[in-house]
Amino acid sequence: MDWLFEAVTSRFSRPWGLELSEAGVSYRPCTPDQLPVVGRIPRCENGYILTGSSRKGMALAPALSQLLMGCVLGSGETEDPLLQALDPERFE
């Protein structure tokens, strides 16, 4: 943990005396169909979600973030078949 904290904070131009206050371990979020969830949260006027990538979260983050930004900004990407497959409403 010390090595990782040092590696990350050494990249900051002004670390301002940051300290590691807590470390934890948790489960990797995964959905029943093994696909991530990306899009508008059902019945939530202005809420969006991007989760469920399991162990591939870091690798998929750039592409999934771009899909999510298309939803948030309303750029018309909601017609994307991939985005439709990852829609949070698929579990309802």
N, C-alpha and C. Protein backbone atom coordinates (compact mmCIF):
# COMPACT_ATOMS: atom_id res chain seq x y z
N MET A 1 0.81 -1.19 0.00
CA MET A 1 0.00 0.00 0.00
C MET A 1 0.86 1.26 0.00
N ASP A 2 1.95 1.22 0.73
CA ASP A 2 2.83 2.40 0.78
C ASP A 2 3.39 2.71 -0.60
N TRP A 3 3.79 1.65 -1.31
CA TRP A 3 4.36 1.85 -2.64
C TRP A 3 3.32 2.48 -3.58
N LEU A 4 2.11 1.96 -3.56
CA LEU A 4 1.05 2.47 -4.43
C LEU A 4 0.72 3.93 -4.09
N PHE A 5 0.60 4.24 -2.81
CA PHE A 5 0.31 5.60 -2.39
C PHE A 5 1.41 6.54 -2.86
N GLU A 6 2.66 6.14 -2.70
CA GLU A 6 3.79 6.97 -3.13
C GLU A 6 3.79 7.14 -4.65
N ALA A 7 3.50 6.08 -5.37
CA ALA A 7 3.48 6.15 -6.84
C ALA A 7 2.41 7.12 -7.33
N VAL A 8 1.26 7.11 -6.69
CA VAL A 8 0.16 8.00 -7.10
C VAL A 8 0.44 9.44 -6.71
N THR A 9 0.80 9.66 -5.46
CA THR A 9 0.98 11.04 -4.99
C THR A 9 2.21 11.71 -5.58
N SER A 10 3.17 10.93 -6.05
CA SER A 10 4.36 11.53 -6.67
C SER A 10 4.02 12.21 -7.99
N ARG A 11 2.86 11.90 -8.57
CA ARG A 11 2.43 12.50 -9.83
C ARG A 11 1.75 13.85 -9.63
N PHE A 12 1.34 14.17 -8.40
CA PHE A 12 0.67 15.43 -8.11
C PHE A 12 1.68 16.56 -8.06
N SER A 13 1.32 17.69 -8.64
CA SER A 13 2.22 18.84 -8.59
C SER A 13 2.23 19.46 -7.19
N ARG A 14 1.12 19.35 -6.46
CA ARG A 14 1.02 19.88 -5.10
C ARG A 14 0.29 18.87 -4.22
N PRO A 15 0.98 17.92 -3.63
CA PRO A 15 0.29 16.90 -2.82
C PRO A 15 -0.25 17.41 -1.49
N TRP A 16 0.18 18.59 -1.03
CA TRP A 16 -0.33 19.22 0.19
C TRP A 16 -0.38 18.27 1.39
N GLY A 17 0.63 17.48 1.57
CA GLY A 17 0.72 16.62 2.75
C GLY A 17 -0.35 15.55 2.84
N LEU A 18 -0.72 14.97 1.71
CA LEU A 18 -1.74 13.92 1.73
C LEU A 18 -1.27 12.73 2.55
N GLU A 19 -2.22 12.07 3.21
CA GLU A 19 -1.93 10.87 3.99
C GLU A 19 -2.94 9.79 3.61
N LEU A 20 -2.50 8.56 3.68
CA LEU A 20 -3.41 7.44 3.48
C LEU A 20 -4.15 7.23 4.78
N SER A 21 -5.45 7.45 4.78
CA SER A 21 -6.21 7.35 6.03
C SER A 21 -6.87 6.00 6.22
N GLU A 22 -7.17 5.32 5.11
CA GLU A 22 -7.87 4.05 5.23
C GLU A 22 -7.68 3.24 3.95
N ALA A 23 -7.59 1.95 4.09
CA ALA A 23 -7.52 1.06 2.94
C ALA A 23 -8.59 -0.01 3.13
N GLY A 24 -9.22 -0.43 2.04
CA GLY A 24 -10.26 -1.43 2.16
C GLY A 24 -10.29 -2.33 0.94
N VAL A 25 -11.00 -3.41 1.09
CA VAL A 25 -11.16 -4.38 0.02
C VAL A 25 -12.65 -4.64 -0.12
N SER A 26 -13.11 -4.76 -1.34
CA SER A 26 -14.52 -5.04 -1.53
C SER A 26 -14.71 -5.98 -2.72
N TYR A 27 -15.94 -6.37 -2.91
CA TYR A 27 -16.27 -7.21 -4.05
C TYR A 27 -16.24 -6.38 -5.33
N ARG A 28 -15.96 -7.03 -6.42
CA ARG A 28 -16.02 -6.36 -7.71
C ARG A 28 -17.46 -6.40 -8.18
N PRO A 29 -18.03 -5.24 -8.53
CA PRO A 29 -19.44 -5.22 -8.93
C PRO A 29 -19.66 -5.99 -10.24
N CYS A 30 -20.58 -6.90 -10.21
CA CYS A 30 -20.88 -7.70 -11.39
C CYS A 30 -22.38 -7.92 -11.46
N THR A 31 -22.92 -7.93 -12.64
CA THR A 31 -24.36 -8.09 -12.83
C THR A 31 -24.70 -9.55 -13.12
N PRO A 32 -25.98 -9.92 -13.00
CA PRO A 32 -26.37 -11.31 -13.28
C PRO A 32 -26.05 -11.77 -14.69
N ASP A 33 -26.10 -10.84 -15.67
CA ASP A 33 -25.81 -11.23 -17.05
C ASP A 33 -24.34 -10.98 -17.44
N GLN A 34 -23.52 -10.60 -16.46
CA GLN A 34 -22.07 -10.40 -16.66
C GLN A 34 -21.73 -9.20 -17.54
N LEU A 35 -22.69 -8.32 -17.80
CA LEU A 35 -22.46 -7.11 -18.59
C LEU A 35 -22.54 -5.89 -17.69
N PRO A 36 -21.77 -4.85 -18.00
CA PRO A 36 -21.85 -3.62 -17.21
C PRO A 36 -23.21 -2.95 -17.35
N VAL A 37 -23.48 -2.01 -16.46
CA VAL A 37 -24.69 -1.20 -16.49
C VAL A 37 -24.25 0.23 -16.78
N VAL A 38 -24.77 0.80 -17.87
CA VAL A 38 -24.39 2.16 -18.28
C VAL A 38 -25.64 2.89 -18.75
N GLY A 39 -25.93 4.03 -18.12
CA GLY A 39 -27.05 4.82 -18.60
C GLY A 39 -27.81 5.52 -17.50
N ARG A 40 -28.99 6.02 -17.87
CA ARG A 40 -29.85 6.76 -16.94
C ARG A 40 -30.45 5.78 -15.93
N ILE A 41 -30.44 6.16 -14.67
CA ILE A 41 -31.02 5.34 -13.62
C ILE A 41 -32.54 5.40 -13.77
N PRO A 42 -33.20 4.24 -13.83
CA PRO A 42 -34.66 4.23 -13.98
C PRO A 42 -35.36 5.03 -12.87
N ARG A 43 -36.38 5.76 -13.26
CA ARG A 43 -37.19 6.57 -12.34
C ARG A 43 -36.37 7.63 -11.59
N CYS A 44 -35.28 8.05 -12.16
CA CYS A 44 -34.45 9.11 -11.56
C CYS A 44 -34.25 10.19 -12.63
N GLU A 45 -34.72 11.37 -12.35
CA GLU A 45 -34.74 12.42 -13.35
C GLU A 45 -33.36 12.78 -13.90
N ASN A 46 -32.38 12.89 -13.03
CA ASN A 46 -31.06 13.34 -13.49
C ASN A 46 -29.95 12.49 -12.86
N GLY A 47 -30.13 11.18 -12.86
CA GLY A 47 -29.11 10.30 -12.30
C GLY A 47 -28.64 9.29 -13.34
N TYR A 48 -27.35 9.07 -13.34
CA TYR A 48 -26.75 8.13 -14.30
C TYR A 48 -25.86 7.16 -13.54
N ILE A 49 -25.63 6.00 -14.13
CA ILE A 49 -24.84 4.97 -13.47
C ILE A 49 -23.90 4.30 -14.46
N LEU A 50 -22.75 3.94 -13.96
CA LEU A 50 -21.77 3.16 -14.72
C LEU A 50 -21.14 2.21 -13.70
N THR A 51 -21.53 0.94 -13.74
CA THR A 51 -21.05 -0.05 -12.78
C THR A 51 -21.13 -1.44 -13.40
N GLY A 52 -20.68 -2.43 -12.66
CA GLY A 52 -20.84 -3.81 -13.07
C GLY A 52 -19.79 -4.35 -14.02
N SER A 53 -18.64 -3.68 -14.11
CA SER A 53 -17.60 -4.12 -15.04
C SER A 53 -16.73 -5.24 -14.50
N SER A 54 -16.94 -5.61 -13.25
CA SER A 54 -16.20 -6.68 -12.60
C SER A 54 -14.70 -6.44 -12.69
N ARG A 55 -13.94 -7.48 -12.99
CA ARG A 55 -12.48 -7.36 -12.98
C ARG A 55 -11.92 -6.58 -14.18
N LYS A 56 -12.77 -6.24 -15.12
CA LYS A 56 -12.31 -5.50 -16.31
C LYS A 56 -12.63 -4.02 -16.23
N GLY A 57 -12.97 -3.53 -15.05
CA GLY A 57 -13.39 -2.15 -14.89
C GLY A 57 -12.38 -1.13 -15.38
N MET A 58 -11.12 -1.30 -15.02
CA MET A 58 -10.11 -0.33 -15.43
C MET A 58 -9.90 -0.35 -16.94
N ALA A 59 -9.97 -1.51 -17.53
CA ALA A 59 -9.76 -1.62 -18.98
C ALA A 59 -10.94 -1.06 -19.77
N LEU A 60 -12.15 -1.25 -19.24
CA LEU A 60 -13.34 -0.79 -19.95
C LEU A 60 -13.73 0.64 -19.63
N ALA A 61 -13.16 1.22 -18.59
CA ALA A 61 -13.56 2.55 -18.14
C ALA A 61 -13.55 3.62 -19.23
N PRO A 62 -12.52 3.73 -20.06
CA PRO A 62 -12.55 4.79 -21.09
C PRO A 62 -13.72 4.65 -22.07
N ALA A 63 -13.96 3.46 -22.56
CA ALA A 63 -15.04 3.25 -23.54
C ALA A 63 -16.42 3.42 -22.90
N LEU A 64 -16.59 2.85 -21.69
CA LEU A 64 -17.87 2.97 -21.02
C LEU A 64 -18.15 4.41 -20.61
N SER A 65 -17.11 5.13 -20.22
CA SER A 65 -17.28 6.54 -19.85
C SER A 65 -17.73 7.37 -21.05
N GLN A 66 -17.19 7.05 -22.21
CA GLN A 66 -17.60 7.76 -23.43
C GLN A 66 -19.07 7.49 -23.73
N LEU A 67 -19.49 6.24 -23.57
CA LEU A 67 -20.91 5.92 -23.77
C LEU A 67 -21.78 6.69 -22.78
N LEU A 68 -21.36 6.71 -21.52
CA LEU A 68 -22.14 7.41 -20.50
C LEU A 68 -22.21 8.90 -20.78
N MET A 69 -21.13 9.49 -21.21
CA MET A 69 -21.13 10.92 -21.52
C MET A 69 -22.09 11.22 -22.67
N GLY A 70 -22.23 10.29 -23.61
CA GLY A 70 -23.21 10.46 -24.68
C GLY A 70 -24.63 10.54 -24.12
N CYS A 71 -24.91 9.75 -23.09
CA CYS A 71 -26.21 9.79 -22.44
C CYS A 71 -26.41 11.12 -21.71
N VAL A 72 -25.43 11.49 -20.94
CA VAL A 72 -25.52 12.70 -20.11
C VAL A 72 -25.67 13.95 -20.97
N LEU A 73 -24.90 14.03 -22.04
CA LEU A 73 -24.92 15.22 -22.89
C LEU A 73 -26.00 15.18 -23.95
N GLY A 74 -26.68 14.04 -24.07
CA GLY A 74 -27.75 13.93 -25.04
C GLY A 74 -27.28 14.01 -26.47
N SER A 75 -26.14 13.38 -26.77
CA SER A 75 -25.56 13.48 -28.11
C SER A 75 -26.15 12.50 -29.11
N GLY A 76 -27.26 11.86 -28.76
CA GLY A 76 -27.91 10.96 -29.70
C GLY A 76 -27.35 9.55 -29.71
N GLU A 77 -26.40 9.27 -28.83
CA GLU A 77 -25.82 7.93 -28.79
C GLU A 77 -26.73 6.92 -28.12
N THR A 78 -27.91 7.33 -27.68
CA THR A 78 -28.83 6.40 -27.04
C THR A 78 -29.33 5.35 -28.02
N GLU A 79 -29.16 5.59 -29.31
CA GLU A 79 -29.55 4.61 -30.33
C GLU A 79 -28.48 3.55 -30.54
N ASP A 80 -27.33 3.72 -29.93
CA ASP A 80 -26.22 2.78 -30.05
C ASP A 80 -26.65 1.41 -29.52
N PRO A 81 -26.53 0.34 -30.32
CA PRO A 81 -26.93 -0.99 -29.87
C PRO A 81 -26.17 -1.44 -28.61
N LEU A 82 -24.91 -1.05 -28.50
CA LEU A 82 -24.14 -1.41 -27.31
C LEU A 82 -24.74 -0.74 -26.08
N LEU A 83 -25.06 0.52 -26.18
CA LEU A 83 -25.66 1.25 -25.06
C LEU A 83 -27.02 0.65 -24.69
N GLN A 84 -27.77 0.24 -25.66
CA GLN A 84 -29.06 -0.39 -25.39
C GLN A 84 -28.87 -1.72 -24.66
N ALA A 85 -27.82 -2.46 -25.00
CA ALA A 85 -27.55 -3.73 -24.33
C ALA A 85 -27.11 -3.53 -22.89
N LEU A 86 -26.55 -2.37 -22.56
CA LEU A 86 -26.05 -2.09 -21.22
C LEU A 86 -27.03 -1.26 -20.40
N ASP A 87 -28.20 -0.99 -20.92
CA ASP A 87 -29.20 -0.14 -20.27
C ASP A 87 -29.58 -0.69 -18.89
N PRO A 88 -29.60 0.16 -17.86
CA PRO A 88 -29.99 -0.28 -16.53
C PRO A 88 -31.41 -0.85 -16.45
N GLU A 89 -32.28 -0.44 -17.34
CA GLU A 89 -33.67 -0.91 -17.32
C GLU A 89 -33.81 -2.36 -17.76
N ARG A 90 -32.77 -2.99 -18.23
CA ARG A 90 -32.88 -4.37 -18.70
C ARG A 90 -33.20 -5.34 -17.57
N PHE A 91 -33.04 -4.93 -16.32
CA PHE A 91 -33.30 -5.81 -15.18
C PHE A 91 -34.71 -5.64 -14.62
N GLU A 92 -35.48 -4.72 -15.19
CA GLU A 92 -36.84 -4.49 -14.66
C GLU A 92 -37.84 -5.39 -15.34
